[in-house]
Amino acid sequence: MTSPLLSLSGLTKAYPGVVANDNVSFEVQPGEVHALLGENGAGKSTLVKMIYGLVRPDSGQMVLHGEAFAPTEPSAARAAGVAMVFQHFSLFDALNVAENVALGMENPPPMGDLATRIREVSTTYGLPLDPARTVGELSAGERQRVEIIRCLLQDPRLLIMDEPTSVLTPQEVDILFETLRKLTSEGVAILYISHKLEEIRTLCDHATILRLGKNVGTCIPRDTSARDMAELMVGSAFAAPERAGRDLGEVALELKDLTAVSSSAFGTSLKGITLSVRQGEILGLGGVAGNGQDELLAVLSGEMRSNADAVQFMGQPIGRLGPGPRRKMGLLTAPEERLGHAAAPDMSLTENALLTGAEREQLMQRGFLRWSAAEAFARRIIEAFDVRTPGPDVAARALSGGNLQKFVIGREVMQRPEVLVVNQPTWGVDAAAAAAIRQALLDLAANGTAVICISQDLDELMEISDRFGALNEGRLSEIRPAQGLSVDEIGLMMGGAHGMEVAHV
């Protein structure tokens, strides 16, 4: 039995009103992929931040390579052989790959030498990159390669990965897993955070489960079902989403040959998009990040305008209307970016509930805010969607990502929309919360709401969608019945294949 690469003993970290980590202990062996599992707010992020030097523990000890380890900042962790790929990329779109890599290094070599190293290392690990390409032109999967190669150039012995497959196609996931297996064969340990439990079962050797900040157990993922792991995380059984029989109504929302130029220099313009969704139907739209999803939601919300006839709501042309009139009619949207778009970070949950619910929840009267009604609305969202927070007066930025996601989705669902468009509805939430959100979307559809669900989680789309289409470079594939679609067919649709090319897989 080899000595552990990393040992944690009694790590504790408390914040006002909450103990994020409570006496957490476990070990990571050299050359293993070790999963860190837990529902939202379980303490995973705080724990890896302590390992990476972003947060200092209140008590407890860490040992790395057999020596005491207490990094005071990330540069100290990197110097000791710890690297981290974050869930949210930290790249500058206007700079090229080599320049972005250099920014993440303490003492970068000359740019010519660095470019050579990037080519060598990226090719060796099956993630080829052109160091001269501008990052703004890269796909989400290629951007993740930049983050990974930046870490690998520092020769890490422990690589922490937070939700690494959330922006990848099935084929890109396979490539990433091959890279991680090559790293572990060289003795590198991977600490892997993901809510995709089937991936955990495929990739990981051991798993540590956190619940309410405590280590509540370990398991061998390949010998444990995804449902059993999810119930270990939650501490109880939970119901899988159930699809009720639905009768579809009239066409609620229709796009006719929609073309729209992205407002971002590195965005993706929409090209000739045609689709319709009926009352009681869920239309799932897949695609790798950066293929027009944000632009499509912006056009549907009214943040980007189009020709009047290109967007029709219940038979009425609304392409020229802004967000306010659309919300009043019953067309509600929930964007992907939680902080700064779906929610104002420094505003309280009550204020954030008011921002989109003022009209439909009648939270204003004769120009004055009905504060008690707004607070009651926020409390209903918190209770119905199990948002873990001390109360509605807490700022949005104080919530974990998953809990804020539950609040944002709940805020729109509880306004009883005629049409709801959501982008990445369960991004970053745990299995139980994801099941609850998917059930809420299914219940909406059962009550006659037309739902468009834009997601990079293919399992999610296949679970709830009646029909499926994929966005690629701003174009929409043929929309097909979701039932019976294979992973290969979906992958081809996401890659830009259409019609007969997909049908003959």
Protein backbone atom coordinates (compact mmCIF):
# COMPACT_ATOMS: atom_id res chain seq x y z
CA MET A 1 0.00 0.00 0.00
CA THR A 2 1.55 3.30 -1.07
CA SER A 3 1.55 6.36 1.14
CA PRO A 4 -1.27 8.79 0.37
CA LEU A 5 -0.47 11.76 -1.81
CA LEU A 6 -2.81 14.02 0.17
CA SER A 7 -4.22 13.51 3.68
CA LEU A 8 -6.84 15.73 5.25
CA SER A 9 -7.39 15.46 8.98
CA GLY A 10 -10.16 17.27 10.87
CA LEU A 11 -10.50 20.19 8.46
CA THR A 12 -13.05 22.67 9.75
CA LYS A 13 -14.15 26.00 8.28
CA ALA A 14 -17.05 28.10 9.59
CA TYR A 15 -18.67 31.25 8.27
CA PRO A 16 -21.26 33.39 10.08
CA GLY A 17 -24.34 31.23 10.46
CA VAL A 18 -22.96 28.11 8.79
CA VAL A 19 -20.24 25.49 9.24
CA ALA A 20 -19.05 24.83 5.69
CA ASN A 21 -16.71 21.96 6.65
CA ASP A 22 -16.99 20.10 9.93
CA ASN A 23 -14.04 17.87 10.92
CA VAL A 24 -13.51 16.48 7.40
CA SER A 25 -10.88 13.76 6.96
CA PHE A 26 -9.96 11.58 3.97
CA GLU A 27 -7.01 10.55 1.81
CA VAL A 28 -6.18 10.69 -1.90
CA GLN A 29 -3.75 8.09 -3.27
CA PRO A 30 -1.22 8.69 -6.08
CA GLY A 31 -2.59 7.73 -9.49
CA GLU A 32 -6.26 7.55 -8.46
CA VAL A 33 -9.33 9.50 -9.52
CA HIS A 34 -11.07 10.39 -6.28
CA ALA A 35 -14.60 11.80 -6.50
CA LEU A 36 -15.85 14.41 -4.05
CA LEU A 37 -19.64 14.14 -3.91
CA GLY A 38 -22.32 16.11 -2.12
CA GLU A 39 -25.47 18.09 -2.72
CA ASN A 40 -25.36 21.86 -3.12
CA GLY A 41 -24.09 23.51 0.03
CA ALA A 42 -22.46 20.29 1.29
CA GLY A 43 -19.04 22.00 1.52
CA LYS A 44 -17.24 20.70 -1.58
CA SER A 45 -16.19 24.13 -2.88
CA THR A 46 -14.90 25.31 0.49
CA LEU A 47 -12.90 22.11 0.89
CA VAL A 48 -11.11 22.33 -2.46
CA LYS A 49 -10.50 26.06 -1.89
CA MET A 50 -8.62 25.16 1.29
CA ILE A 51 -6.53 22.61 -0.62
CA TYR A 52 -5.81 25.20 -3.33
CA GLY A 53 -4.92 28.00 -0.91
CA LEU A 54 -7.94 30.25 -1.55
CA VAL A 55 -9.37 29.70 1.96
CA ARG A 56 -7.62 28.99 5.26
CA PRO A 57 -9.09 26.32 7.55
CA ASP A 58 -10.07 27.26 11.10
CA SER A 59 -8.64 23.97 12.35
CA GLY A 60 -7.31 20.66 11.07
CA GLN A 61 -4.27 19.63 9.11
CA MET A 62 -3.27 18.75 5.56
CA VAL A 63 -0.31 16.60 4.54
CA LEU A 64 0.98 16.56 0.94
CA HIS A 65 3.84 14.29 -0.20
CA GLY A 66 4.33 13.33 3.47
CA GLU A 67 4.92 16.93 4.60
CA ALA A 68 2.72 19.46 6.35
CA PHE A 69 0.76 21.48 3.76
CA ALA A 70 -0.89 24.83 4.55
CA PRO A 71 -0.92 27.02 1.41
CA THR A 72 -1.69 30.68 2.08
CA GLU A 73 -2.43 31.43 -1.58
CA PRO A 74 -2.85 29.52 -4.87
CA SER A 75 0.72 30.20 -5.97
CA ALA A 76 1.95 28.29 -2.90
CA ALA A 77 -0.36 25.38 -3.75
CA ARG A 78 0.84 25.34 -7.36
CA ALA A 79 4.47 25.39 -6.21
CA ALA A 80 3.71 22.30 -4.12
CA GLY A 81 2.22 20.48 -7.12
CA VAL A 82 -1.50 21.23 -6.80
CA ALA A 83 -3.40 22.55 -9.83
CA MET A 84 -7.08 23.30 -10.31
CA VAL A 85 -9.44 23.57 -13.28
CA PHE A 86 -12.41 25.66 -12.20
CA GLN A 87 -16.01 25.23 -13.32
CA HIS A 88 -16.05 28.79 -14.67
CA PHE A 89 -13.24 29.50 -17.13
CA SER A 90 -10.86 32.37 -16.34
CA LEU A 91 -9.75 33.26 -19.85
CA PHE A 92 -9.50 36.50 -21.81
CA ASP A 93 -11.33 36.26 -25.14
CA ALA A 94 -9.19 38.89 -26.89
CA LEU A 95 -5.88 37.14 -26.11
CA ASN A 96 -4.52 34.06 -27.82
CA VAL A 97 -3.99 30.65 -26.22
CA ALA A 98 -0.33 31.18 -25.37
CA GLU A 99 -0.98 34.60 -23.82
CA ASN A 100 -3.76 33.16 -21.65
CA VAL A 101 -1.53 30.30 -20.53
CA ALA A 102 1.28 32.74 -19.67
CA LEU A 103 -1.05 34.77 -17.44
CA GLY A 104 -1.59 31.69 -15.26
CA MET A 105 2.14 31.05 -14.72
CA GLU A 106 4.37 32.63 -12.08
CA ASN A 107 7.45 32.74 -14.37
CA PRO A 108 6.39 32.11 -17.96
CA PRO A 109 9.13 31.33 -20.49
CA PRO A 110 9.59 33.38 -23.69
CA MET A 111 6.45 33.21 -25.83
CA GLY A 112 8.13 31.20 -28.59
CA ASP A 113 9.29 28.55 -26.12
CA LEU A 114 5.89 28.54 -24.42
CA ALA A 115 4.10 28.01 -27.74
CA THR A 116 6.33 25.02 -28.46
CA ARG A 117 5.61 23.55 -25.01
CA ILE A 118 1.86 24.06 -25.47
CA ARG A 119 1.95 22.15 -28.77
CA GLU A 120 4.04 19.34 -27.26
CA VAL A 121 2.07 18.88 -24.05
CA SER A 122 -1.37 19.27 -25.66
CA THR A 123 -0.50 16.68 -28.32
CA THR A 124 1.02 14.26 -25.77
CA TYR A 125 -2.18 14.29 -23.70
CA GLY A 126 -4.60 14.10 -26.61
CA LEU A 127 -5.84 17.68 -26.33
CA PRO A 128 -4.21 19.42 -29.32
CA LEU A 129 -4.17 23.23 -29.22
CA ASP A 130 -2.90 25.93 -31.55
CA PRO A 131 -1.15 28.48 -29.26
CA ALA A 132 -1.72 31.29 -31.78
CA ARG A 133 -5.53 31.00 -31.89
CA THR A 134 -7.60 33.74 -30.25
CA VAL A 135 -9.53 32.31 -27.29
CA GLY A 136 -12.71 34.12 -28.29
CA GLU A 137 -12.83 31.96 -31.41
CA LEU A 138 -12.58 28.65 -29.50
CA SER A 139 -15.43 26.31 -28.65
CA ALA A 140 -16.22 25.63 -25.00
CA GLY A 141 -14.43 22.29 -25.20
CA GLU A 142 -11.30 23.94 -26.64
CA ARG A 143 -11.38 26.57 -23.91
CA GLN A 144 -11.39 23.85 -21.32
CA ARG A 145 -8.31 22.40 -23.04
CA VAL A 146 -6.56 25.73 -22.48
CA GLU A 147 -7.32 25.55 -18.75
CA ILE A 148 -6.14 21.94 -18.51
CA ILE A 149 -2.93 22.50 -20.50
CA ARG A 150 -2.15 25.56 -18.38
CA CYS A 151 -2.30 23.25 -15.36
CA LEU A 152 -0.31 20.44 -16.97
CA LEU A 153 2.55 22.77 -17.91
CA GLN A 154 3.12 23.18 -14.17
CA ASP A 155 3.72 19.40 -13.78
CA PRO A 156 1.07 18.87 -11.07
CA ARG A 157 0.90 15.83 -8.81
CA LEU A 158 -2.69 16.60 -7.74
CA LEU A 159 -5.22 17.99 -10.24
CA ILE A 160 -8.56 19.28 -8.91
CA MET A 161 -11.38 19.37 -11.47
CA ASP A 162 -14.74 21.05 -10.79
CA GLU A 163 -17.62 19.96 -13.08
CA PRO A 164 -15.21 19.39 -16.01
CA THR A 165 -17.71 17.84 -18.46
CA SER A 166 -20.57 20.34 -18.18
CA VAL A 167 -19.65 22.01 -21.50
CA LEU A 168 -18.55 18.96 -23.49
CA THR A 169 -20.14 16.75 -26.14
CA PRO A 170 -20.20 12.97 -25.47
CA GLN A 171 -17.25 12.57 -27.83
CA GLU A 172 -15.26 15.29 -26.00
CA VAL A 173 -16.02 13.60 -22.66
CA ASP A 174 -14.43 10.40 -23.99
CA ILE A 175 -11.31 12.34 -25.01
CA LEU A 176 -11.08 14.03 -21.61
CA PHE A 177 -11.38 10.70 -19.80
CA GLU A 178 -8.55 9.24 -21.91
CA THR A 179 -6.40 12.23 -20.91
CA LEU A 180 -7.19 11.77 -17.22
CA ARG A 181 -6.39 8.05 -17.43
CA LYS A 182 -3.03 8.88 -18.99
CA LEU A 183 -2.31 11.31 -16.16
CA THR A 184 -3.19 8.76 -13.48
CA SER A 185 -0.97 6.16 -15.18
CA GLU A 186 1.87 8.63 -14.55
CA GLY A 187 1.00 8.85 -10.86
CA VAL A 188 -1.01 12.08 -10.93
CA ALA A 189 -3.99 12.06 -8.57
CA ILE A 190 -7.28 13.61 -9.69
CA LEU A 191 -9.78 15.07 -7.20
CA TYR A 192 -12.97 15.13 -9.27
CA ILE A 193 -16.17 17.05 -8.49
CA SER A 194 -19.24 16.30 -10.60
CA HIS A 195 -22.99 15.89 -10.28
CA LYS A 196 -23.00 13.45 -13.21
CA LEU A 197 -23.03 10.22 -11.26
CA GLU A 198 -22.79 7.83 -14.19
CA GLU A 199 -19.56 9.60 -15.15
CA ILE A 200 -18.34 9.13 -11.59
CA ARG A 201 -19.09 5.40 -11.86
CA THR A 202 -17.18 5.18 -15.16
CA LEU A 203 -14.11 7.18 -14.19
CA CYS A 204 -13.51 7.27 -10.44
CA ASP A 205 -11.76 4.76 -8.19
CA HIS A 206 -13.10 6.02 -4.85
CA ALA A 207 -15.63 8.60 -3.70
CA THR A 208 -15.94 10.64 -0.53
CA ILE A 209 -19.45 11.91 0.26
CA LEU A 210 -20.06 15.19 2.07
CA ARG A 211 -23.38 16.09 3.64
CA LEU A 212 -23.95 19.37 5.52
CA GLY A 213 -20.20 19.88 5.74
CA LYS A 214 -19.39 16.44 7.17
CA ASN A 215 -17.76 13.36 5.66
CA VAL A 216 -20.62 10.85 5.85
CA GLY A 217 -18.97 7.96 4.06
CA THR A 218 -16.99 6.58 1.16
CA CYS A 219 -17.78 4.16 -1.63
CA ILE A 220 -16.31 2.52 -4.70
CA PRO A 221 -18.35 4.11 -7.52
CA ARG A 222 -18.17 1.19 -9.96
CA ASP A 223 -19.76 -1.02 -7.30
CA THR A 224 -22.42 1.54 -6.30
CA SER A 225 -25.44 2.57 -8.36
CA ALA A 226 -25.96 6.21 -9.25
CA ARG A 227 -29.18 6.22 -7.27
CA ASP A 228 -27.46 4.82 -4.17
CA MET A 229 -24.76 7.49 -4.42
CA ALA A 230 -27.39 10.20 -4.79
CA GLU A 231 -29.22 8.95 -1.71
CA LEU A 232 -25.96 8.87 0.26
CA MET A 233 -25.49 12.53 -0.68
CA VAL A 234 -29.01 13.54 0.32
CA GLY A 235 -29.38 11.24 3.32
CA SER A 236 -32.74 9.89 2.20
CA ALA A 237 -34.55 8.48 -0.80
CA PHE A 238 -35.92 10.87 -3.41
CA ALA A 239 -38.34 10.42 -6.25
CA ALA A 240 -37.21 10.36 -9.86
CA PRO A 241 -39.13 12.69 -12.19
CA GLU A 242 -42.39 11.23 -13.49
CA ARG A 243 -43.90 12.06 -16.85
CA ALA A 244 -47.67 12.38 -16.83
CA GLY A 245 -49.68 11.88 -19.99
CA ARG A 246 -50.29 15.21 -21.73
CA ASP A 247 -52.58 16.46 -24.44
CA LEU A 248 -50.82 19.09 -26.54
CA GLY A 249 -52.64 22.31 -27.26
CA GLU A 250 -52.16 25.12 -29.77
CA VAL A 251 -48.78 26.38 -30.95
CA ALA A 252 -47.71 28.76 -28.16
CA LEU A 253 -44.41 30.02 -29.54
CA GLU A 254 -43.06 29.95 -33.07
CA LEU A 255 -39.87 31.14 -34.75
CA LYS A 256 -39.94 31.66 -38.51
CA ASP A 257 -36.59 31.81 -40.30
CA LEU A 258 -35.10 33.81 -37.43
CA THR A 259 -31.78 35.47 -38.17
CA ALA A 260 -30.09 37.69 -35.58
CA VAL A 261 -26.59 39.12 -35.31
CA SER A 262 -24.88 38.54 -31.96
CA SER A 263 -24.17 41.67 -29.94
CA SER A 264 -20.83 40.17 -28.82
CA ALA A 265 -17.70 40.19 -30.94
CA PHE A 266 -17.15 36.58 -29.90
CA GLY A 267 -20.80 35.54 -29.88
CA THR A 268 -22.63 33.35 -32.39
CA SER A 269 -25.20 34.87 -34.73
CA LEU A 270 -28.43 32.96 -35.34
CA LYS A 271 -29.03 31.76 -38.89
CA GLY A 272 -32.47 30.86 -40.22
CA ILE A 273 -33.89 29.25 -37.06
CA THR A 274 -37.38 27.80 -37.44
CA LEU A 275 -39.17 25.98 -34.64
CA SER A 276 -42.48 25.77 -32.82
CA VAL A 277 -43.54 24.53 -29.39
CA ARG A 278 -47.10 23.72 -28.38
CA GLN A 279 -48.97 24.10 -25.12
CA GLY A 280 -48.07 21.19 -22.86
CA GLU A 281 -44.92 20.29 -24.81
CA ILE A 282 -41.26 20.32 -23.77
CA LEU A 283 -38.85 21.05 -26.62
CA GLY A 284 -35.25 20.19 -25.73
CA LEU A 285 -32.40 22.03 -27.47
CA GLY A 286 -28.89 20.62 -27.06
CA GLY A 287 -25.51 21.80 -28.23
CA VAL A 288 -22.03 22.56 -26.99
CA ALA A 289 -21.75 25.93 -25.23
CA GLY A 290 -21.15 28.88 -27.51
CA ASN A 291 -23.24 27.73 -30.47
CA GLY A 292 -25.98 30.34 -30.16
CA GLN A 293 -27.76 29.31 -26.97
CA ASP A 294 -27.34 32.68 -25.23
CA GLU A 295 -28.36 34.56 -28.36
CA LEU A 296 -31.47 32.42 -28.81
CA LEU A 297 -32.58 33.04 -25.24
CA ALA A 298 -31.89 36.78 -25.64
CA VAL A 299 -34.09 36.90 -28.77
CA LEU A 300 -36.88 35.02 -27.00
CA SER A 301 -36.67 37.18 -23.85
CA GLY A 302 -36.71 40.42 -25.85
CA GLU A 303 -33.19 41.48 -24.89
CA MET A 304 -32.28 41.15 -28.59
CA ARG A 305 -34.88 42.37 -31.07
CA SER A 306 -35.75 40.75 -34.38
CA ASN A 307 -38.17 41.21 -37.24
CA ALA A 308 -41.68 41.38 -35.76
CA ASP A 309 -42.95 38.30 -37.59
CA ALA A 310 -39.88 36.17 -36.80
CA VAL A 311 -41.09 35.56 -33.22
CA GLN A 312 -44.77 34.79 -32.66
CA PHE A 313 -46.47 34.24 -29.31
CA MET A 314 -49.93 32.68 -29.43
CA GLY A 315 -50.14 33.80 -33.06
CA GLN A 316 -49.12 37.41 -32.35
CA PRO A 317 -45.89 38.88 -33.76
CA ILE A 318 -43.71 39.99 -30.83
CA GLY A 319 -40.25 40.31 -32.35
CA ARG A 320 -40.13 44.06 -31.64
CA LEU A 321 -41.34 43.83 -28.04
CA GLY A 322 -38.98 44.18 -25.09
CA PRO A 323 -38.74 41.92 -22.01
CA GLY A 324 -41.38 43.71 -19.94
CA PRO A 325 -44.31 43.34 -22.35
CA ARG A 326 -43.33 39.74 -23.08
CA ARG A 327 -43.29 38.83 -19.40
CA LYS A 328 -46.70 40.46 -18.96
CA MET A 329 -48.06 38.29 -21.79
CA GLY A 330 -46.65 35.17 -20.14
CA LEU A 331 -43.36 34.54 -21.98
CA LEU A 332 -40.81 34.04 -19.20
CA THR A 333 -37.13 33.16 -19.45
CA ALA A 334 -34.31 32.02 -17.15
CA PRO A 335 -30.80 32.63 -18.57
CA GLU A 336 -27.73 30.49 -17.98
CA GLU A 337 -25.61 33.10 -16.18
CA ARG A 338 -26.91 33.12 -12.62
CA LEU A 339 -25.02 36.07 -11.16
CA GLY A 340 -25.28 39.30 -13.11
CA HIS A 341 -27.97 38.18 -15.55
CA ALA A 342 -30.55 35.98 -13.86
CA ALA A 343 -29.89 37.59 -10.48
CA ALA A 344 -28.34 40.84 -9.24
CA PRO A 345 -25.48 39.70 -6.96
CA ASP A 346 -25.73 42.36 -4.25
CA MET A 347 -29.52 42.48 -4.10
CA SER A 348 -31.45 40.36 -1.62
CA LEU A 349 -33.53 37.40 -2.69
CA THR A 350 -36.65 39.49 -2.06
CA GLU A 351 -35.36 42.18 -4.40
CA ASN A 352 -34.41 39.59 -6.99
CA ALA A 353 -37.88 38.07 -6.76
CA LEU A 354 -39.31 41.54 -7.35
CA LEU A 355 -37.16 42.17 -10.42
CA THR A 356 -38.98 39.65 -12.62
CA GLY A 357 -42.13 39.00 -10.60
CA ALA A 358 -43.42 42.54 -10.12
CA GLU A 359 -45.99 42.37 -12.92
CA ARG A 360 -47.32 38.82 -12.76
CA GLU A 361 -47.25 38.57 -8.96
CA GLN A 362 -48.74 42.08 -8.54
CA LEU A 363 -45.89 43.24 -6.34
CA MET A 364 -46.44 46.90 -7.21
CA GLN A 365 -49.50 49.07 -6.62
CA ARG A 366 -49.93 52.57 -8.06
CA GLY A 367 -46.18 52.88 -8.53
CA PHE A 368 -45.27 51.73 -5.02
CA LEU A 369 -43.61 48.48 -4.05
CA ARG A 370 -45.63 46.00 -2.01
CA TRP A 371 -42.63 44.92 0.02
CA SER A 372 -44.44 42.42 2.25
CA ALA A 373 -45.94 40.74 -0.84
CA ALA A 374 -42.50 40.59 -2.48
CA GLU A 375 -40.99 39.06 0.64
CA ALA A 376 -43.82 36.52 0.84
CA PHE A 377 -43.22 35.59 -2.82
CA ALA A 378 -39.49 35.08 -2.11
CA ARG A 379 -40.35 32.89 0.90
CA ARG A 380 -42.68 30.74 -1.21
CA ILE A 381 -39.87 30.18 -3.74
CA ILE A 382 -37.40 29.29 -0.97
CA GLU A 383 -39.80 26.78 0.57
CA ALA A 384 -41.10 25.21 -2.65
CA PHE A 385 -37.64 24.72 -4.17
CA ASP A 386 -35.73 23.92 -0.95
CA VAL A 387 -33.35 26.86 -1.32
CA ARG A 388 -30.80 26.54 1.50
CA THR A 389 -30.53 30.08 2.88
CA PRO A 390 -31.19 31.80 6.24
CA GLY A 391 -33.96 33.89 4.68
CA PRO A 392 -35.12 36.18 1.86
CA ASP A 393 -33.03 39.12 3.06
CA VAL A 394 -29.77 37.33 2.13
CA ALA A 395 -27.88 38.67 -0.90
CA ALA A 396 -27.94 36.52 -4.02
CA ARG A 397 -24.14 36.27 -4.13
CA ALA A 398 -24.13 34.65 -0.65
CA LEU A 399 -25.88 31.52 -1.95
CA SER A 400 -24.03 28.53 -3.38
CA GLY A 401 -24.36 28.24 -7.14
CA GLY A 402 -26.80 25.37 -6.93
CA ASN A 403 -29.05 27.07 -4.40
CA LEU A 404 -29.14 30.27 -6.43
CA GLN A 405 -30.04 28.18 -9.47
CA LYS A 406 -32.97 26.66 -7.58
CA PHE A 407 -34.15 30.14 -6.61
CA VAL A 408 -33.89 31.51 -10.17
CA ILE A 409 -35.79 28.59 -11.71
CA GLY A 410 -38.36 28.61 -8.92
CA ARG A 411 -38.98 32.33 -9.36
CA GLU A 412 -40.01 31.81 -12.99
CA VAL A 413 -41.89 28.52 -12.53
CA MET A 414 -44.02 29.96 -9.73
CA GLN A 415 -45.23 32.81 -11.95
CA ARG A 416 -47.27 30.29 -13.98
CA PRO A 417 -45.91 31.19 -17.45
CA GLU A 418 -47.66 30.47 -20.73
CA VAL A 419 -44.22 29.80 -22.23
CA LEU A 420 -41.03 29.20 -20.25
CA VAL A 421 -37.59 29.21 -21.86
CA VAL A 422 -34.76 28.00 -19.61
CA ASN A 423 -31.05 27.73 -20.38
CA GLN A 424 -29.11 25.14 -18.33
CA PRO A 425 -31.85 24.68 -15.69
CA THR A 426 -29.89 22.20 -13.53
CA TRP A 427 -26.34 23.39 -14.14
CA GLY A 428 -24.30 22.84 -10.97
CA VAL A 429 -27.11 21.41 -8.85
CA ASP A 430 -27.05 18.05 -7.08
CA ALA A 431 -28.99 14.99 -8.16
CA ALA A 432 -31.95 15.51 -5.84
CA ALA A 433 -32.30 19.20 -6.73
CA ALA A 434 -31.94 18.41 -10.44
CA ALA A 435 -34.72 15.83 -10.14
CA ALA A 436 -36.93 18.40 -8.40
CA ILE A 437 -36.30 21.05 -11.08
CA ARG A 438 -37.00 18.58 -13.90
CA GLN A 439 -40.20 17.52 -12.15
CA ALA A 440 -41.23 21.17 -11.88
CA LEU A 441 -40.75 21.59 -15.65
CA LEU A 442 -42.73 18.40 -16.32
CA ASP A 443 -45.50 19.62 -14.01
CA LEU A 444 -45.60 22.97 -15.81
CA ALA A 445 -46.01 21.20 -19.13
CA ALA A 446 -48.70 18.95 -17.66
CA ASN A 447 -50.61 22.11 -16.75
CA GLY A 448 -50.39 23.43 -20.30
CA THR A 449 -47.22 25.52 -20.32
CA ALA A 450 -45.01 25.31 -23.41
CA VAL A 451 -41.40 24.75 -22.30
CA ILE A 452 -38.17 25.21 -24.24
CA CYS A 453 -35.28 23.66 -22.32
CA ILE A 454 -31.80 24.58 -23.59
CA SER A 455 -29.22 22.33 -21.97
CA GLN A 456 -25.82 20.72 -22.42
CA ASP A 457 -26.93 17.81 -20.22
CA LEU A 458 -28.11 15.22 -22.73
CA ASP A 459 -29.43 12.87 -20.06
CA GLU A 460 -31.61 15.69 -18.83
CA LEU A 461 -32.96 16.49 -22.29
CA MET A 462 -33.76 12.86 -23.03
CA GLU A 463 -35.49 12.51 -19.67
CA ILE A 464 -37.94 15.39 -20.05
CA SER A 465 -38.16 16.34 -23.75
CA ASP A 466 -40.90 15.41 -26.19
CA ARG A 467 -38.84 16.60 -29.16
CA PHE A 468 -35.14 17.38 -29.55
CA GLY A 469 -33.00 19.63 -31.73
CA ALA A 470 -29.37 20.76 -31.56
CA LEU A 471 -27.70 24.13 -32.12
CA ASN A 472 -24.44 24.25 -34.04
CA GLU A 473 -22.77 27.52 -35.11
CA GLY A 474 -26.07 29.35 -34.81
CA ARG A 475 -28.06 26.89 -36.90
CA LEU A 476 -30.72 24.49 -35.65
CA SER A 477 -30.77 20.85 -36.68
CA GLU A 478 -33.89 19.04 -37.75
CA ILE A 479 -36.16 18.69 -34.71
CA ARG A 480 -36.95 15.04 -34.02
CA PRO A 481 -38.95 13.04 -31.46
CA ALA A 482 -36.71 12.54 -28.42
CA GLN A 483 -37.80 8.99 -27.77
CA GLY A 484 -35.50 6.50 -29.49
CA LEU A 485 -32.65 8.89 -30.34
CA SER A 486 -29.25 7.29 -29.81
CA VAL A 487 -26.20 9.01 -28.31
CA ASP A 488 -24.42 8.78 -31.68
CA GLU A 489 -27.35 10.44 -33.45
CA ILE A 490 -27.44 13.20 -30.86
CA GLY A 491 -23.68 13.69 -31.13
CA LEU A 492 -23.95 14.09 -34.90
CA MET A 493 -26.79 16.58 -34.54
CA MET A 494 -24.71 18.59 -32.07
CA GLY A 495 -21.75 18.46 -34.46
CA GLY A 496 -23.75 19.98 -37.31
CA ALA A 497 -25.01 16.90 -39.17
CA HIS A 498 -28.55 17.18 -40.48
CA GLY A 499 -31.35 15.18 -41.98
CA MET A 500 -30.34 11.95 -43.69
CA GLU A 501 -26.78 12.06 -42.36
CA VAL A 502 -28.17 11.53 -38.88
CA ALA A 503 -30.91 9.13 -39.91
CA HIS A 504 -28.37 6.69 -41.40
CA VAL A 505 -26.10 6.38 -38.36
